[in-house]
C-alpha atoms as a PDB file:
ATOM      1  CA  MET A   1      22.999  18.721 -12.512  1.00  0.00           C
ATOM      2  CA  SER A   2      25.706  16.061 -12.237  1.00  0.00           C
ATOM      3  CA  HIS A   3      27.105  17.677  -9.071  1.00  0.00           C
ATOM      4  CA  VAL A   4      23.749  17.561  -7.275  1.00  0.00           C
ATOM      5  CA  PRO A   5      23.524  14.662  -4.729  1.00  0.00           C
ATOM      6  CA  TYR A   6      20.026  13.738  -5.864  1.00  0.00           C
ATOM      7  CA  ALA A   7      20.514   9.967  -5.621  1.00  0.00           C
ATOM      8  CA  SER A   8      21.980  10.270  -2.133  1.00  0.00           C
ATOM      9  CA  ALA A   9      19.115  12.487  -0.958  1.00  0.00           C
ATOM     10  CA  VAL A  10      16.469  10.156  -2.380  1.00  0.00           C
ATOM     11  CA  GLY A  11      18.241   7.171  -0.827  1.00  0.00           C
ATOM     12  CA  SER A  12      18.214   8.810   2.594  1.00  0.00           C
ATOM     13  CA  LEU A  13      14.530   9.617   2.285  1.00  0.00           C
ATOM     14  CA  MET A  14      13.831   6.089   1.073  1.00  0.00           C
ATOM     15  CA  TYR A  15      15.502   4.688   4.181  1.00  0.00           C
ATOM     16  CA  ALA A  16      13.255   6.794   6.405  1.00  0.00           C
ATOM     17  CA  MET A  17      10.175   5.762   4.426  1.00  0.00           C
ATOM     18  CA  VAL A  18      10.946   2.043   4.632  1.00  0.00           C
ATOM     19  CA  CYS A  19      11.704   2.095   8.359  1.00  0.00           C
ATOM     20  CA  SER A  20       9.175   4.383   9.984  1.00  0.00           C
ATOM     21  CA  ARG A  21       7.644   7.017   7.683  1.00  0.00           C
ATOM     22  CA  PRO A  22       4.981   5.478   5.430  1.00  0.00           C
ATOM     23  CA  ASN A  23       3.417   8.939   5.045  1.00  0.00           C
ATOM     24  CA  ILE A  24       6.061   9.889   2.458  1.00  0.00           C
ATOM     25  CA  SER A  25       5.663   6.683   0.438  1.00  0.00           C
ATOM     26  CA  HIS A  26       3.884   8.353  -2.448  1.00  0.00           C
ATOM     27  CA  ALA A  27       6.420  11.186  -2.650  1.00  0.00           C
ATOM     28  CA  MET A  28       9.297   8.704  -2.750  1.00  0.00           C
ATOM     29  CA  GLY A  29       7.570   6.672  -5.434  1.00  0.00           C
ATOM     30  CA  VAL A  30       7.439   9.751  -7.634  1.00  0.00           C
ATOM     31  CA  LEU A  31      10.938  11.070  -6.885  1.00  0.00           C
ATOM     32  CA  SER A  32      12.598   7.702  -7.495  1.00  0.00           C
ATOM     33  CA  ARG A  33      11.384   7.663 -11.108  1.00  0.00           C
ATOM     34  CA  PHE A  34      13.859  10.364 -12.133  1.00  0.00           C
ATOM     35  CA  MET A  35      17.165   8.955 -10.913  1.00  0.00           C
ATOM     36  CA  SER A  36      18.713   8.846 -14.394  1.00  0.00           C
ATOM     37  CA  LYS A  37      16.992  11.829 -16.025  1.00  0.00           C
ATOM     38  CA  LEU A  38      17.428  14.500 -13.429  1.00  0.00           C
ATOM     39  CA  GLY A  39      16.283  18.077 -13.915  1.00  0.00           C
ATOM     40  CA  LYS A  40      16.476  21.192 -11.787  1.00  0.00           C
ATOM     41  CA  GLU A  41      12.800  20.931 -10.916  1.00  0.00           C
ATOM     42  CA  HIS A  42      13.337  17.460  -9.425  1.00  0.00           C
ATOM     43  CA  TRP A  43      15.997  18.704  -7.028  1.00  0.00           C
ATOM     44  CA  THR A  44      13.693  21.563  -6.076  1.00  0.00           C
ATOM     45  CA  VAL A  45      10.938  19.097  -5.152  1.00  0.00           C
ATOM     46  CA  VAL A  46      13.223  17.013  -2.911  1.00  0.00           C
ATOM     47  CA  LYS A  47      13.838  19.871  -0.464  1.00  0.00           C
ATOM     48  CA  PRO A  48      10.203  20.204   0.738  1.00  0.00           C
ATOM     49  CA  VAL A  49      10.230  16.521   1.706  1.00  0.00           C
ATOM     50  CA  PHE A  50      13.179  17.135   4.032  1.00  0.00           C
ATOM     51  CA  ARG A  51      11.421  20.187   5.445  1.00  0.00           C
ATOM     52  CA  TYR A  52       8.290  18.112   6.015  1.00  0.00           C
ATOM     53  CA  LEU A  53      10.256  15.464   7.912  1.00  0.00           C
ATOM     54  CA  HIS A  54      11.983  18.129   9.970  1.00  0.00           C
ATOM     55  CA  GLY A  55       8.669  19.719  10.878  1.00  0.00           C
ATOM     56  CA  THR A  56       7.116  16.357  11.801  1.00  0.00           C
ATOM     57  CA  SER A  57      10.097  14.869  13.621  1.00  0.00           C
ATOM     58  CA  ASP A  58       7.818  13.951  16.526  1.00  0.00           C
ATOM     59  CA  TYR A  59       5.737  11.701  14.263  1.00  0.00           C
ATOM     60  CA  GLY A  60       6.293   7.969  14.395  1.00  0.00           C
ATOM     61  CA  LEU A  61       4.779   4.506  14.543  1.00  0.00           C
ATOM     62  CA  TRP A  62       3.179   3.655  17.870  1.00  0.00           C
ATOM     63  CA  TYR A  63       2.196   0.175  19.021  1.00  0.00           C
ATOM     64  CA  GLN A  64      -0.111  -0.835  21.835  1.00  0.00           C
ATOM     65  CA  GLU A  65       1.061  -3.165  24.557  1.00  0.00           C
ATOM     66  CA  ARG A  66      -0.849  -6.406  24.992  1.00  0.00           C
ATOM     67  CA  PRO A  67      -1.152  -7.857  28.491  1.00  0.00           C
ATOM     68  CA  GLY A  68      -0.413 -11.477  29.190  1.00  0.00           C
ATOM     69  CA  LEU A  69       1.086 -14.081  26.884  1.00  0.00           C
ATOM     70  CA  ASP A  70      -1.720 -14.271  24.353  1.00  0.00           C
ATOM     71  CA  ARG A  71      -0.245 -15.737  21.154  1.00  0.00           C
ATOM     72  CA  VAL A  72      -3.283 -14.956  19.027  1.00  0.00           C
ATOM     73  CA  LEU A  73      -2.661 -12.009  16.718  1.00  0.00           C
ATOM     74  CA  ASP A  74      -5.041  -9.714  14.901  1.00  0.00           C
ATOM     75  CA  ILE A  75      -3.434  -8.381  11.734  1.00  0.00           C
ATOM     76  CA  HIS A  76      -5.712  -6.236   9.611  1.00  0.00           C
ATOM     77  CA  GLY A  77      -5.079  -3.879   6.732  1.00  0.00           C
ATOM     78  CA  PHE A  78      -6.416  -1.303   4.334  1.00  0.00           C
ATOM     79  CA  GLY A  79      -6.186  -1.067   0.557  1.00  0.00           C
ATOM     80  CA  TYR A  80      -6.779   1.895  -1.725  1.00  0.00           C
ATOM     81  CA  ALA A  81      -6.240   2.760  -5.379  1.00  0.00           C
ATOM     82  CA  TYR A  82      -5.933   6.294  -6.735  1.00  0.00           C
ATOM     83  CA  TYR A  83      -7.433   5.912 -10.197  1.00  0.00           C
ATOM     84  CA  ILE A  84      -5.164   7.374 -12.918  1.00  0.00           C
ATOM     85  CA  GLY A  85      -2.957   8.898 -10.240  1.00  0.00           C
ATOM     86  CA  ASP A  86      -0.049   8.936 -12.688  1.00  0.00           C
ATOM     87  CA  LEU A  87      -0.971  11.436 -15.395  1.00  0.00           C
ATOM     88  CA  ASP A  88       2.061  10.653 -17.579  1.00  0.00           C
ATOM     89  CA  GLN A  89       1.217   7.009 -18.290  1.00  0.00           C
ATOM     90  CA  ARG A  90      -2.439   7.125 -17.197  1.00  0.00           C
ATOM     91  CA  ARG A  91      -1.906   4.456 -14.580  1.00  0.00           C
ATOM     92  CA  SER A  92      -3.338   4.141 -11.098  1.00  0.00           C
ATOM     93  CA  ILE A  93      -1.467   4.237  -7.798  1.00  0.00           C
ATOM     94  CA  SER A  94      -1.785   1.265  -5.439  1.00  0.00           C
ATOM     95  CA  GLY A  95      -1.470   1.637  -1.702  1.00  0.00           C
ATOM     96  CA  TYR A  96      -1.953  -0.717   1.201  1.00  0.00           C
ATOM     97  CA  VAL A  97      -1.005  -0.871   4.887  1.00  0.00           C
ATOM     98  CA  LEU A  98      -1.143  -3.808   7.296  1.00  0.00           C
ATOM     99  CA  ASN A  99      -1.432  -3.100  11.019  1.00  0.00           C
ATOM    100  CA  LEU A 100      -0.501  -5.055  14.126  1.00  0.00           C
ATOM    101  CA  PHE A 101      -0.828  -3.930  17.764  1.00  0.00           C
ATOM    102  CA  GLY A 102      -2.327  -0.650  16.592  1.00  0.00           C
ATOM    103  CA  GLY A 103       0.560   0.342  14.305  1.00  0.00           C
ATOM    104  CA  ALA A 104       1.647  -0.274  10.733  1.00  0.00           C
ATOM    105  CA  VAL A 105       4.027  -3.180  10.120  1.00  0.00           C
ATOM    106  CA  SER A 106       3.934  -3.342   6.325  1.00  0.00           C
ATOM    107  CA  TRP A 107       2.976  -0.818   3.655  1.00  0.00           C
ATOM    108  CA  MET A 108       3.316  -0.132  -0.046  1.00  0.00           C
ATOM    109  CA  SER A 109       2.740   2.727  -2.476  1.00  0.00           C
ATOM    110  CA  LYS A 110       3.391   1.855  -6.096  1.00  0.00           C
ATOM    111  CA  LYS A 111       2.333   2.745  -9.590  1.00  0.00           C
ATOM    112  CA  GLN A 112       0.394  -0.125 -11.131  1.00  0.00           C
ATOM    113  CA  SER A 113       2.182  -1.994 -13.904  1.00  0.00           C
ATOM    114  CA  VAL A 114      -0.849  -2.046 -16.209  1.00  0.00           C
ATOM    115  CA  VAL A 115      -3.521   0.450 -17.162  1.00  0.00           C
ATOM    116  CA  ALA A 116      -6.760  -0.131 -15.255  1.00  0.00           C
ATOM    117  CA  LEU A 117      -9.908   0.463 -17.284  1.00  0.00           C
ATOM    118  CA  SER A 118     -11.997   1.380 -14.237  1.00  0.00           C
ATOM    119  CA  THR A 119     -11.730   2.119 -10.535  1.00  0.00           C
ATOM    120  CA  ILE A 120     -13.032  -1.389  -9.862  1.00  0.00           C
ATOM    121  CA  GLU A 121     -10.061  -2.950 -11.622  1.00  0.00           C
ATOM    122  CA  ALA A 122      -7.625  -0.641  -9.847  1.00  0.00           C
ATOM    123  CA  GLU A 123      -9.071  -1.531  -6.438  1.00  0.00           C
ATOM    124  CA  TYR A 124      -9.141  -5.222  -7.379  1.00  0.00           C
ATOM    125  CA  MET A 125      -5.411  -5.135  -8.150  1.00  0.00           C
ATOM    126  CA  VAL A 126      -4.688  -3.476  -4.815  1.00  0.00           C
ATOM    127  CA  ALA A 127      -6.621  -6.222  -3.019  1.00  0.00           C
ATOM    128  CA  THR A 128      -4.392  -8.804  -4.697  1.00  0.00           C
ATOM    129  CA  HIS A 129      -1.180  -7.021  -3.661  1.00  0.00           C
ATOM    130  CA  ALA A 130      -2.451  -6.721  -0.086  1.00  0.00           C
ATOM    131  CA  SER A 131      -3.494 -10.376   0.015  1.00  0.00           C
ATOM    132  CA  LYS A 132      -0.023 -11.532  -1.065  1.00  0.00           C
ATOM    133  CA  GLU A 133       1.571  -9.521   1.722  1.00  0.00           C
ATOM    134  CA  ALA A 134      -1.032 -10.845   4.160  1.00  0.00           C
ATOM    135  CA  VAL A 135      -0.138 -14.427   3.268  1.00  0.00           C
ATOM    136  CA  TRP A 136       3.534 -13.697   3.912  1.00  0.00           C
ATOM    137  CA  LEU A 137       2.739 -12.193   7.313  1.00  0.00           C
ATOM    138  CA  GLN A 138       0.537 -15.155   8.131  1.00  0.00           C
ATOM    139  CA  ARG A 139       3.373 -17.579   7.398  1.00  0.00           C
ATOM    140  CA  LEU A 140       5.814 -15.437   9.372  1.00  0.00           C
ATOM    141  CA  CYS A 141       3.509 -15.602  12.392  1.00  0.00           C
ATOM    142  CA  SER A 142       3.217 -19.376  12.039  1.00  0.00           C
ATOM    143  CA  SER A 143       7.008 -19.756  11.989  1.00  0.00           C
ATOM    144  CA  MET A 144       7.128 -17.975  15.377  1.00  0.00           C
ATOM    145  CA  GLU A 145       4.341 -20.198  16.739  1.00  0.00           C
ATOM    146  CA  LEU A 146       1.904 -17.296  16.761  1.00  0.00           C
ATOM    147  CA  VAL A 147      -1.709 -17.816  15.784  1.00  0.00           C
ATOM    148  CA  GLN A 148      -3.181 -15.603  13.087  1.00  0.00           C
ATOM    149  CA  GLY A 149      -6.541 -16.357  11.557  1.00  0.00           C
ATOM    150  CA  ALA A 150      -7.995 -14.837   8.430  1.00  0.00           C
ATOM    151  CA  ILE A 151      -6.524 -11.375   7.862  1.00  0.00           C
ATOM    152  CA  LYS A 152      -9.102  -8.661   7.306  1.00  0.00           C
ATOM    153  CA  ILE A 153      -8.415  -6.216   4.470  1.00  0.00           C
ATOM    154  CA  GLU A 154     -10.666  -3.174   4.324  1.00  0.00           C
ATOM    155  CA  CYS A 155     -11.497  -1.637   0.948  1.00  0.00           C
ATOM    156  CA  ASP A 156     -13.778   1.279   0.050  1.00  0.00           C
ATOM    157  CA  SER A 157     -15.006  -0.201  -3.236  1.00  0.00           C
ATOM    158  CA  GLN A 158     -18.048  -2.416  -2.855  1.00  0.00           C
ATOM    159  CA  SER A 159     -17.849  -3.402  -6.527  1.00  0.00           C
ATOM    160  CA  ALA A 160     -14.256  -4.613  -6.168  1.00  0.00           C
ATOM    161  CA  ILE A 161     -15.265  -6.663  -3.119  1.00  0.00           C
ATOM    162  CA  PHE A 162     -18.119  -8.257  -5.057  1.00  0.00           C
ATOM    163  CA  LEU A 163     -15.761  -9.001  -7.952  1.00  0.00           C
ATOM    164  CA  ALA A 164     -13.295 -10.714  -5.610  1.00  0.00           C
ATOM    165  CA  LYS A 165     -15.994 -12.811  -3.965  1.00  0.00           C
ATOM    166  CA  ASN A 166     -17.677 -13.844  -7.216  1.00  0.00           C
ATOM    167  CA  PRO A 167     -15.576 -16.459  -9.075  1.00  0.00           C
ATOM    168  CA  ALA A 168     -18.042 -16.693 -11.946  1.00  0.00           C
ATOM    169  CA  TYR A 169     -16.806 -15.787 -15.414  1.00  0.00           C
ATOM    170  CA  HIS A 170     -17.783 -12.335 -16.583  1.00  0.00           C
ATOM    171  CA  SER A 171     -17.077 -10.701 -19.921  1.00  0.00           C
ATOM    172  CA  LYS A 172     -15.922  -7.512 -18.186  1.00  0.00           C
ATOM    173  CA  THR A 173     -13.193  -9.333 -16.246  1.00  0.00           C
ATOM    174  CA  LYS A 174     -11.766 -11.677 -18.867  1.00  0.00           C
ATOM    175  CA  HIS A 175      -9.038  -9.187 -19.798  1.00  0.00           C
ATOM    176  CA  ILE A 176      -7.688  -8.949 -16.226  1.00  0.00           C
ATOM    177  CA  ASP A 177      -4.362 -10.737 -15.819  1.00  0.00           C
ATOM    178  CA  VAL A 178      -4.689 -14.151 -14.182  1.00  0.00           C
ATOM    179  CA  ARG A 179      -2.279 -13.237 -11.371  1.00  0.00           C
ATOM    180  CA  TYR A 180      -4.701 -10.641 -10.040  1.00  0.00           C
ATOM    181  CA  HIS A 181      -7.287 -13.350  -9.349  1.00  0.00           C
ATOM    182  CA  PHE A 182      -5.069 -14.612  -6.528  1.00  0.00           C
ATOM    183  CA  VAL A 183      -7.248 -12.713  -4.088  1.00  0.00           C
ATOM    184  CA  ARG A 184     -10.205 -14.915  -4.988  1.00  0.00           C
ATOM    185  CA  ASP A 185      -8.365 -18.041  -3.845  1.00  0.00           C
ATOM    186  CA  MET A 186      -7.399 -16.389  -0.569  1.00  0.00           C
ATOM    187  CA  ILE A 187     -10.998 -15.452   0.145  1.00  0.00           C
ATOM    188  CA  GLU A 188     -12.288 -18.884  -0.868  1.00  0.00           C
ATOM    189  CA  ASP A 189      -9.710 -20.593   1.395  1.00  0.00           C
ATOM    190  CA  LYS A 190     -10.793 -18.257   4.234  1.00  0.00           C
ATOM    191  CA  LYS A 191      -7.274 -16.917   4.629  1.00  0.00           C
ATOM    192  CA  MET A 192      -8.422 -13.370   4.016  1.00  0.00           C
ATOM    193  CA  LEU A 193     -11.556 -11.293   4.550  1.00  0.00           C
ATOM    194  CA  LEU A 194     -12.318  -8.383   2.230  1.00  0.00           C
ATOM    195  CA  VAL A 195     -14.741  -5.932   3.821  1.00  0.00           C
ATOM    196  CA  LYS A 196     -16.123  -2.475   3.080  1.00  0.00           C
ATOM    197  CA  VAL A 197     -14.816   0.629   4.827  1.00  0.00           C
ATOM    198  CA  ASP A 198     -15.662   4.289   4.485  1.00  0.00           C
ATOM    199  CA  THR A 199     -13.196   6.223   2.346  1.00  0.00           C
ATOM    200  CA  LEU A 200     -12.548   8.738   5.128  1.00  0.00           C
ATOM    201  CA  LYS A 201     -11.489   5.888   7.438  1.00  0.00           C
ATOM    202  CA  ASN A 202      -9.244   4.197   4.876  1.00  0.00           C
ATOM    203  CA  THR A 203      -5.702   4.922   6.072  1.00  0.00           C
ATOM    204  CA  ALA A 204      -4.183   3.567   2.850  1.00  0.00           C
ATOM    205  CA  ASP A 205      -5.537   6.648   1.065  1.00  0.00           C
ATOM    206  CA  ALA A 206      -2.588   8.648   2.439  1.00  0.00           C
ATOM    207  CA  LEU A 207      -0.158   6.347   0.610  1.00  0.00           C
ATOM    208  CA  THR A 208      -1.475   7.277  -2.825  1.00  0.00           C
ATOM    209  CA  LYS A 209      -1.419  11.062  -2.604  1.00  0.00           C
ATOM    210  CA  SER A 210       1.035  13.740  -1.582  1.00  0.00           C
ATOM    211  CA  VAL A 211       0.962  14.846   2.026  1.00  0.00           C
ATOM    212  CA  SER A 212       0.731  18.602   2.582  1.00  0.00           C
ATOM    213  CA  SER A 213       3.391  20.277   4.655  1.00  0.00           C
END
């Protein structure tokens, strides 16, 4: 398989995913794990992704025009965790997307670095990743003299929302890494709002599962 341009193909797909095709984020996260240990089956899986992009070449990111010179922005996002989405290491898949002017401006699909013991923990970790990106976007807006208030992140786990809003010590959360409690500070400082959304309306769900052709 040394003559197969697998790395080049994955790199080309990765470029498309980063720029304008978040719908293949999960596929690229899986394919990029086998850059050094390539098998025939991996090269076979790459081809359907190209066919999918060819068949959906009219897809893209669309943004709505805003009249006037209003410098107040409204960035909001979605977070979702696919519990034990990675069957090899029994880890969950994190996905989030942040929208501005009706279109996505930042997104992520990534296998979690630790094993989550429940869906609550998996969703809680996603909320932390989304909140860090939200803070960066907030500071970017401030540097351009744009006003952005608290960024709303929508999550479909009511238990994870309650866990993020409740700073009290609990025996079931003491094992969670300290860095994942960052979301609590953001909510307490009113820099972020974590609200409930129906699973069917959570657009970040598409970043944690394969998209059918």
